[in-house]
Amino acid sequence: MDWEAMWLSARLSFWTMVILLFLGTPIAYWLTFSKRRWKFLVEAIVALPLVLPPTVLGFYVLMSIGPRSPVGHLYGELTGGLLPFSFQGVLIASILYSLPFTVQPFSSAFASVDRRLIEASWCLGASRISTFRRLIVPLSAPGILTGMVLSFAHTLGEFGVVLMVGGNLPGETRTVSISIYDEVQSLNYEAAGQTALLLLLVSFLVLAVTYSLQKRVLAVWTTH
C-alpha cells in the first residue's frame, strides 16, 4: 500500500477544494446573476475541462507555467524553483481541471434561490454582499457542499493532468492514481488492487457522507 501517494492525493484534493471554494464562488455568482450577452463564452471556458482530454489540458498548463512563460518565470524569480514537476504546479492544474465541478453546482444552487427573496432583501436596504452572505449562501448550502465534495473526489482520482504537469516524483507529484498505474505496469496486481480498493472505499465514503449531509442541511432549511 502506497500511503505516501495516498497522503499526497488527499493533500492535493484538500487544497484544490479550499481554493476552488473561494475562486469558484464569485465566478458562479457572476454566471448566475450577470446579464451580459457574452456570458455564454465564460460558461464555455469554465466547462471546457469537462470535454477536453486531460492530456491536452495538461499540455497547455505545462506550457503556460514553464520557466519560459511569464507565470513560470515570475515564480522562478520569486522562489528560485520551478512550477512544472512540483506540487504547486500540479495544484494549479488540479484547480483548472476541477473548476467546473465546483462552479456548476454552486451556480445551480444560487439560481434555485427564490428571486423574490433576493429582491425583497435589496428593497429592505441590504447590500448585495450582505444579501449574498445572509440569504443566498444559507439557502444554497446543499449545492455548495456538493460542489466542494465533487471537486475533492474528482481531484482524488486525477491521472492524466497530474502525469503531464507533475510527472511521477515520489513524495512530490506521485498521486495514488499514478501509483496504481505503476503497480500495474510492474505486474504487481495485488498491490494495485489494494490501493485501488482503498481509493474506491474512500471515494464512496466521501460521497455517501456528502449526500447524507446534503439531505440534512436541506431538511433544516426547508423547515424554517
Protein backbone atom coordinates (compact mmCIF):
# COMPACT_ATOMS: atom_id res chain seq x y z
CA MET A 1 0.00 0.00 0.00
CA ASP A 2 1.47 3.32 -1.10
CA TRP A 3 0.48 5.51 1.85
CA GLU A 4 2.76 8.33 0.71
CA ALA A 5 0.87 8.61 -2.57
CA MET A 6 -2.46 8.43 -0.76
CA TRP A 7 -1.48 11.24 1.60
CA LEU A 8 -0.24 13.35 -1.31
CA SER A 9 -3.54 12.85 -3.16
CA ALA A 10 -5.53 13.75 -0.05
CA ARG A 11 -3.45 16.91 0.46
CA LEU A 12 -3.81 17.87 -3.19
CA SER A 13 -7.57 17.29 -3.09
CA PHE A 14 -7.99 19.31 0.10
CA TRP A 15 -6.14 22.38 -1.16
CA THR A 16 -7.88 22.18 -4.53
CA MET A 17 -11.24 22.12 -2.76
CA VAL A 18 -10.37 25.05 -0.47
CA ILE A 19 -9.01 27.25 -3.26
CA LEU A 20 -11.94 26.45 -5.55
CA LEU A 21 -14.36 27.38 -2.77
CA PHE A 22 -13.03 30.95 -2.81
CA LEU A 23 -12.30 31.06 -6.55
CA GLY A 24 -15.45 29.34 -7.75
CA THR A 25 -17.92 31.27 -5.59
CA PRO A 26 -17.55 34.68 -7.29
CA ILE A 27 -17.42 33.03 -10.73
CA ALA A 28 -20.62 31.09 -10.03
CA TYR A 29 -22.31 34.21 -8.63
CA TRP A 30 -21.43 36.22 -11.73
CA LEU A 31 -22.58 33.47 -14.08
CA THR A 32 -25.88 33.20 -12.21
CA PHE A 33 -26.82 36.85 -11.94
CA SER A 34 -24.96 38.58 -14.75
CA LYS A 35 -26.99 39.74 -17.76
CA ARG A 36 -24.02 40.14 -20.07
CA ARG A 37 -24.70 38.84 -23.57
CA TRP A 38 -21.26 37.26 -23.81
CA LYS A 39 -21.73 35.32 -20.56
CA PHE A 40 -22.03 32.11 -22.57
CA LEU A 41 -18.36 32.44 -23.54
CA VAL A 42 -17.30 32.39 -19.89
CA GLU A 43 -19.62 29.44 -19.26
CA ALA A 44 -17.98 27.56 -22.14
CA ILE A 45 -14.49 28.29 -20.82
CA VAL A 46 -15.41 27.12 -17.33
CA ALA A 47 -16.97 23.91 -18.68
CA LEU A 48 -14.12 23.20 -21.12
CA PRO A 49 -12.29 20.72 -18.82
CA LEU A 50 -15.39 18.51 -18.92
CA VAL A 51 -14.88 17.71 -22.61
CA LEU A 52 -11.19 18.43 -23.09
CA PRO A 53 -8.88 15.39 -22.85
CA PRO A 54 -6.80 15.59 -19.64
CA THR A 55 -3.57 15.24 -21.61
CA VAL A 56 -4.48 18.25 -23.76
CA LEU A 57 -5.33 20.38 -20.73
CA GLY A 58 -2.16 19.16 -19.01
CA PHE A 59 -0.06 20.06 -22.04
CA TYR A 60 -1.33 23.64 -22.16
CA VAL A 61 -0.95 24.05 -18.41
CA LEU A 62 2.60 22.73 -18.66
CA MET A 63 3.43 25.22 -21.41
CA SER A 64 1.82 28.14 -19.56
CA ILE A 65 3.70 27.54 -16.28
CA GLY A 66 7.04 26.53 -17.77
CA PRO A 67 10.21 28.50 -16.94
CA ARG A 68 9.98 30.40 -20.24
CA SER A 69 6.39 31.51 -19.66
CA PRO A 70 5.59 34.77 -17.81
CA VAL A 71 4.00 32.87 -14.92
CA GLY A 72 6.80 30.33 -14.62
CA HIS A 73 9.50 32.98 -14.97
CA LEU A 74 7.92 35.16 -12.26
CA TYR A 75 7.56 32.15 -9.95
CA GLY A 76 11.22 31.28 -10.53
CA GLU A 77 12.32 34.83 -9.75
CA LEU A 78 10.33 34.89 -6.51
CA THR A 79 11.02 31.39 -5.20
CA GLY A 80 14.00 30.10 -7.15
CA GLY A 81 12.06 26.96 -8.07
CA LEU A 82 10.06 25.60 -10.99
CA LEU A 83 6.33 25.06 -11.27
CA PRO A 84 6.45 22.06 -13.64
CA PHE A 85 7.03 18.74 -11.87
CA SER A 86 6.23 20.26 -8.48
CA PHE A 87 3.30 20.05 -6.07
CA GLN A 88 2.46 23.70 -6.74
CA GLY A 89 2.28 23.08 -10.48
CA VAL A 90 0.07 20.03 -10.01
CA LEU A 91 -2.17 22.10 -7.71
CA ILE A 92 -2.64 24.73 -10.45
CA ALA A 93 -3.54 22.02 -12.95
CA SER A 94 -5.95 20.40 -10.49
CA ILE A 95 -7.71 23.70 -9.84
CA LEU A 96 -8.29 24.26 -13.56
CA TYR A 97 -9.31 20.65 -14.13
CA SER A 98 -11.86 20.60 -11.28
CA LEU A 99 -13.19 24.14 -11.79
CA PRO A 100 -16.47 23.09 -13.49
CA PHE A 101 -17.16 20.52 -10.77
CA THR A 102 -17.28 23.42 -8.31
CA VAL A 103 -18.75 26.26 -10.36
CA GLN A 104 -21.67 24.38 -11.89
CA PRO A 105 -23.14 23.06 -8.59
CA PHE A 106 -22.59 26.48 -7.00
CA SER A 107 -24.29 28.24 -9.90
CA SER A 108 -27.24 25.84 -9.87
CA ALA A 109 -27.65 26.35 -6.13
CA PHE A 110 -27.57 30.15 -6.45
CA ALA A 111 -30.09 30.03 -9.30
CA SER A 112 -32.50 27.92 -7.22
CA VAL A 113 -32.88 30.66 -4.59
CA ASP A 114 -36.23 32.42 -4.96
CA ARG A 115 -35.57 35.68 -6.80
CA ARG A 116 -38.34 37.38 -4.84
CA LEU A 117 -36.47 36.81 -1.60
CA ILE A 118 -33.34 38.39 -3.07
CA GLU A 119 -35.24 41.40 -4.37
CA ALA A 120 -37.03 41.78 -1.04
CA SER A 121 -33.66 41.85 0.72
CA TRP A 122 -32.46 44.57 -1.62
CA CYS A 123 -35.66 46.59 -1.09
CA LEU A 124 -35.11 46.42 2.67
CA GLY A 125 -31.76 48.12 2.19
CA ALA A 126 -29.40 45.15 2.38
CA SER A 127 -26.35 45.35 0.16
CA ARG A 128 -25.58 42.71 -2.44
CA ILE A 129 -22.74 41.37 -0.29
CA SER A 130 -24.97 41.21 2.78
CA THR A 131 -27.76 39.55 0.80
CA PHE A 132 -25.34 37.00 -0.57
CA ARG A 133 -23.83 36.25 2.84
CA ARG A 134 -27.03 36.16 4.89
CA LEU A 135 -29.56 34.85 2.36
CA ILE A 136 -28.11 33.22 -0.74
CA VAL A 137 -25.31 31.25 0.94
CA PRO A 138 -27.51 29.64 3.64
CA LEU A 139 -30.19 28.67 1.11
CA SER A 140 -27.52 27.34 -1.26
CA ALA A 141 -25.72 25.28 1.39
CA PRO A 142 -26.55 21.85 -0.11
CA GLY A 143 -25.28 22.88 -3.55
CA ILE A 144 -22.15 24.47 -2.11
CA LEU A 145 -21.42 21.32 -0.13
CA THR A 146 -21.94 19.21 -3.25
CA GLY A 147 -19.54 21.33 -5.29
CA MET A 148 -16.85 21.15 -2.61
CA VAL A 149 -17.04 17.38 -2.30
CA LEU A 150 -17.18 16.82 -6.04
CA SER A 151 -14.00 18.85 -6.50
CA PHE A 152 -12.32 16.86 -3.70
CA ALA A 153 -13.39 13.47 -5.07
CA HIS A 154 -12.56 14.43 -8.65
CA THR A 155 -9.07 15.56 -7.71
CA LEU A 156 -8.51 12.42 -5.68
CA GLY A 157 -8.68 10.28 -8.81
CA GLU A 158 -6.83 12.54 -11.26
CA PHE A 159 -4.35 10.88 -13.58
CA GLY A 160 -3.72 12.42 -17.00
CA VAL A 161 -3.39 16.05 -15.94
CA VAL A 162 -1.19 15.20 -12.96
CA LEU A 163 1.08 12.98 -15.03
CA MET A 164 1.51 15.62 -17.75
CA VAL A 165 2.25 18.50 -15.38
CA GLY A 166 3.90 16.77 -12.44
CA GLY A 167 5.39 13.58 -13.78
CA ASN A 168 5.99 10.78 -11.28
CA LEU A 169 8.12 12.08 -8.43
CA PRO A 170 7.62 10.15 -5.15
CA GLY A 171 6.52 12.43 -2.32
CA GLU A 172 6.13 15.41 -4.67
CA THR A 173 3.82 14.60 -7.59
CA ARG A 174 3.19 10.85 -7.42
CA THR A 175 -0.50 10.62 -6.62
CA VAL A 176 -2.45 7.48 -5.79
CA SER A 177 -3.73 7.03 -9.35
CA ILE A 178 -0.19 7.15 -10.71
CA SER A 179 0.88 4.71 -8.01
CA ILE A 180 -1.79 2.25 -9.15
CA TYR A 181 -0.67 2.64 -12.76
CA ASP A 182 2.95 1.95 -11.79
CA GLU A 183 1.98 -1.19 -9.89
CA VAL A 184 0.01 -2.49 -12.87
CA GLN A 185 2.92 -1.75 -15.20
CA SER A 186 5.13 -3.76 -12.84
CA LEU A 187 2.58 -6.61 -12.89
CA ASN A 188 2.11 -6.16 -9.15
CA TYR A 189 -1.63 -6.62 -9.29
CA GLU A 190 -2.02 -7.36 -5.59
CA ALA A 191 -0.60 -4.01 -4.52
CA ALA A 192 -2.54 -2.23 -7.26
CA GLY A 193 -5.73 -3.94 -6.15
CA GLN A 194 -5.24 -2.96 -2.53
CA THR A 195 -4.61 0.69 -3.36
CA ALA A 196 -7.48 0.77 -5.86
CA LEU A 197 -9.84 -0.75 -3.29
CA LEU A 198 -8.82 1.82 -0.68
CA LEU A 199 -9.38 4.64 -3.17
CA LEU A 200 -12.78 3.18 -4.07
CA LEU A 201 -13.84 2.97 -0.42
CA VAL A 202 -12.64 6.50 0.37
CA SER A 203 -14.44 7.93 -2.67
CA PHE A 204 -17.64 6.08 -1.81
CA LEU A 205 -17.46 7.17 1.83
CA VAL A 206 -16.92 10.81 0.88
CA LEU A 207 -19.90 10.80 -1.49
CA ALA A 208 -22.14 8.91 0.94
CA VAL A 209 -21.40 11.35 3.77
CA THR A 210 -21.93 14.29 1.42
CA TYR A 211 -25.35 13.16 0.21
CA SER A 212 -26.36 12.42 3.80
CA LEU A 213 -25.32 15.87 5.00
CA GLN A 214 -26.89 17.47 1.94
CA LYS A 215 -30.29 16.00 2.79
CA ARG A 216 -29.95 17.04 6.43
CA VAL A 217 -29.00 20.61 5.55
CA LEU A 218 -31.84 20.82 3.05
CA ALA A 219 -34.29 19.47 5.64
CA VAL A 220 -33.18 22.03 8.22
CA TRP A 221 -33.64 25.00 5.88
CA THR A 222 -36.97 23.82 4.48
CA THR A 223 -38.46 23.51 7.97
CA HIS A 224 -37.62 27.11 8.89
